Amino acid sequence: MIKVKDPIFMKQFGLQLRNLRIANKLSQESLAYASDIPISQIGRIERGEINTTICTVKVLAKALDVDIKELFDFF
C-alpha cells in the first residue's frame, strides 16, 4: 500500500497557509471565523499536523481571497 501522508508536504502547505494568512493581515482566529473552521484546526494545518481535505483547502482559499493554486505555490 502506498503511504498517503507526506509530512514534509503537509508542513510546507501549512507554512504557505500561514504566510498567506499573515500577508492578508489575518489572525488564526479571524481566518477561522471567515472560513467557519475551528481555530484549533487552523493551527494544526499550519503546523502540518493534519492532512487536510480538498474542501477545506477550497474554503481557506475563499476566506483568504486567493486562488486555490496560491496555497500550493511552494513546490
C-alpha atoms as a PDB file:
ATOM      1  CA  MET A   1       0.000   0.000   0.000  1.00  0.00           C
ATOM      2  CA  ILE A   2       1.232   3.496  -0.857  1.00  0.00           C
ATOM      3  CA  LYS A   3       1.677   5.879   2.051  1.00  0.00           C
ATOM      4  CA  VAL A   4      -0.780   8.749   1.641  1.00  0.00           C
ATOM      5  CA  LYS A   5       0.539  11.169   4.261  1.00  0.00           C
ATOM      6  CA  ASP A   6       3.605  13.180   3.359  1.00  0.00           C
ATOM      7  CA  PRO A   7       4.765  15.052   6.490  1.00  0.00           C
ATOM      8  CA  ILE A   8       7.131  17.345   4.595  1.00  0.00           C
ATOM      9  CA  PHE A   9       4.446  18.359   2.091  1.00  0.00           C
ATOM     10  CA  MET A  10       1.945  18.883   4.928  1.00  0.00           C
ATOM     11  CA  LYS A  11       4.398  21.187   6.742  1.00  0.00           C
ATOM     12  CA  GLN A  12       5.136  23.131   3.538  1.00  0.00           C
ATOM     13  CA  PHE A  13       1.416  23.561   2.889  1.00  0.00           C
ATOM     14  CA  GLY A  14       0.911  24.731   6.464  1.00  0.00           C
ATOM     15  CA  LEU A  15       3.720  27.260   6.178  1.00  0.00           C
ATOM     16  CA  GLN A  16       2.264  28.566   2.903  1.00  0.00           C
ATOM     17  CA  LEU A  17      -1.156  28.904   4.546  1.00  0.00           C
ATOM     18  CA  ARG A  18       0.426  30.786   7.453  1.00  0.00           C
ATOM     19  CA  ASN A  19       2.359  33.092   5.105  1.00  0.00           C
ATOM     20  CA  LEU A  20      -0.777  33.913   3.098  1.00  0.00           C
ATOM     21  CA  ARG A  21      -2.763  34.479   6.288  1.00  0.00           C
ATOM     22  CA  ILE A  22      -0.142  36.873   7.631  1.00  0.00           C
ATOM     23  CA  ALA A  23       0.167  38.639   4.256  1.00  0.00           C
ATOM     24  CA  ASN A  24      -3.590  39.221   4.436  1.00  0.00           C
ATOM     25  CA  LYS A  25      -3.172  40.588   7.989  1.00  0.00           C
ATOM     26  CA  LEU A  26      -5.434  37.901   9.460  1.00  0.00           C
ATOM     27  CA  SER A  27      -5.088  36.196  12.802  1.00  0.00           C
ATOM     28  CA  GLN A  28      -5.763  32.487  13.105  1.00  0.00           C
ATOM     29  CA  GLU A  29      -8.961  33.451  14.889  1.00  0.00           C
ATOM     30  CA  SER A  30     -10.173  35.720  12.089  1.00  0.00           C
ATOM     31  CA  LEU A  31      -9.323  33.099   9.444  1.00  0.00           C
ATOM     32  CA  ALA A  32     -11.191  30.506  11.476  1.00  0.00           C
ATOM     33  CA  TYR A  33     -14.215  32.779  11.650  1.00  0.00           C
ATOM     34  CA  ALA A  34     -14.111  33.656   7.937  1.00  0.00           C
ATOM     35  CA  SER A  35     -13.790  30.017   6.901  1.00  0.00           C
ATOM     36  CA  ASP A  36     -16.052  28.516   9.585  1.00  0.00           C
ATOM     37  CA  ILE A  37     -13.237  26.164  10.589  1.00  0.00           C
ATOM     38  CA  PRO A  38     -12.280  25.708  14.253  1.00  0.00           C
ATOM     39  CA  ILE A  39      -9.235  27.748  15.258  1.00  0.00           C
ATOM     40  CA  SER A  40      -7.604  24.586  16.588  1.00  0.00           C
ATOM     41  CA  GLN A  41      -7.850  23.039  13.123  1.00  0.00           C
ATOM     42  CA  ILE A  42      -6.284  26.126  11.517  1.00  0.00           C
ATOM     43  CA  GLY A  43      -3.361  25.729  13.917  1.00  0.00           C
ATOM     44  CA  ARG A  44      -2.990  22.014  13.193  1.00  0.00           C
ATOM     45  CA  ILE A  45      -2.999  22.670   9.433  1.00  0.00           C
ATOM     46  CA  GLU A  46      -0.408  25.438   9.769  1.00  0.00           C
ATOM     47  CA  ARG A  47       1.822  23.171  11.878  1.00  0.00           C
ATOM     48  CA  GLY A  48       1.476  20.363   9.316  1.00  0.00           C
ATOM     49  CA  GLU A  49      -0.116  18.026  11.828  1.00  0.00           C
ATOM     50  CA  ILE A  50      -3.138  17.058   9.752  1.00  0.00           C
ATOM     51  CA  ASN A  51      -3.703  16.079   6.154  1.00  0.00           C
ATOM     52  CA  THR A  52      -6.497  18.497   5.329  1.00  0.00           C
ATOM     53  CA  THR A  53      -9.250  17.864   2.788  1.00  0.00           C
ATOM     54  CA  ILE A  54      -9.645  19.484  -0.594  1.00  0.00           C
ATOM     55  CA  CYS A  55     -12.935  21.012   0.549  1.00  0.00           C
ATOM     56  CA  THR A  56     -11.144  22.666   3.458  1.00  0.00           C
ATOM     57  CA  VAL A  57      -8.499  23.982   1.046  1.00  0.00           C
ATOM     58  CA  LYS A  58     -11.254  25.498  -1.091  1.00  0.00           C
ATOM     59  CA  VAL A  59     -12.846  27.233   1.905  1.00  0.00           C
ATOM     60  CA  LEU A  60      -9.479  28.533   3.121  1.00  0.00           C
ATOM     61  CA  ALA A  61      -8.648  29.957  -0.316  1.00  0.00           C
ATOM     62  CA  LYS A  62     -12.002  31.722  -0.422  1.00  0.00           C
ATOM     63  CA  ALA A  63     -11.543  33.126   3.099  1.00  0.00           C
ATOM     64  CA  LEU A  64      -8.066  34.363   2.154  1.00  0.00           C
ATOM     65  CA  ASP A  65      -9.403  35.736  -1.149  1.00  0.00           C
ATOM     66  CA  VAL A  66      -6.713  33.896  -3.116  1.00  0.00           C
ATOM     67  CA  ASP A  67      -6.790  31.394  -5.943  1.00  0.00           C
ATOM     68  CA  ILE A  68      -6.516  27.808  -4.691  1.00  0.00           C
ATOM     69  CA  LYS A  69      -3.258  27.333  -6.578  1.00  0.00           C
ATOM     70  CA  GLU A  70      -1.622  30.019  -4.401  1.00  0.00           C
ATOM     71  CA  LEU A  71      -1.950  27.685  -1.434  1.00  0.00           C
ATOM     72  CA  PHE A  72       0.199  25.188  -3.342  1.00  0.00           C
ATOM     73  CA  ASP A  73       2.713  27.708  -4.667  1.00  0.00           C
ATOM     74  CA  PHE A  74       5.570  26.328  -2.579  1.00  0.00           C
ATOM     75  CA  PHE A  75       6.985  23.492  -4.665  1.00  0.00           C
END
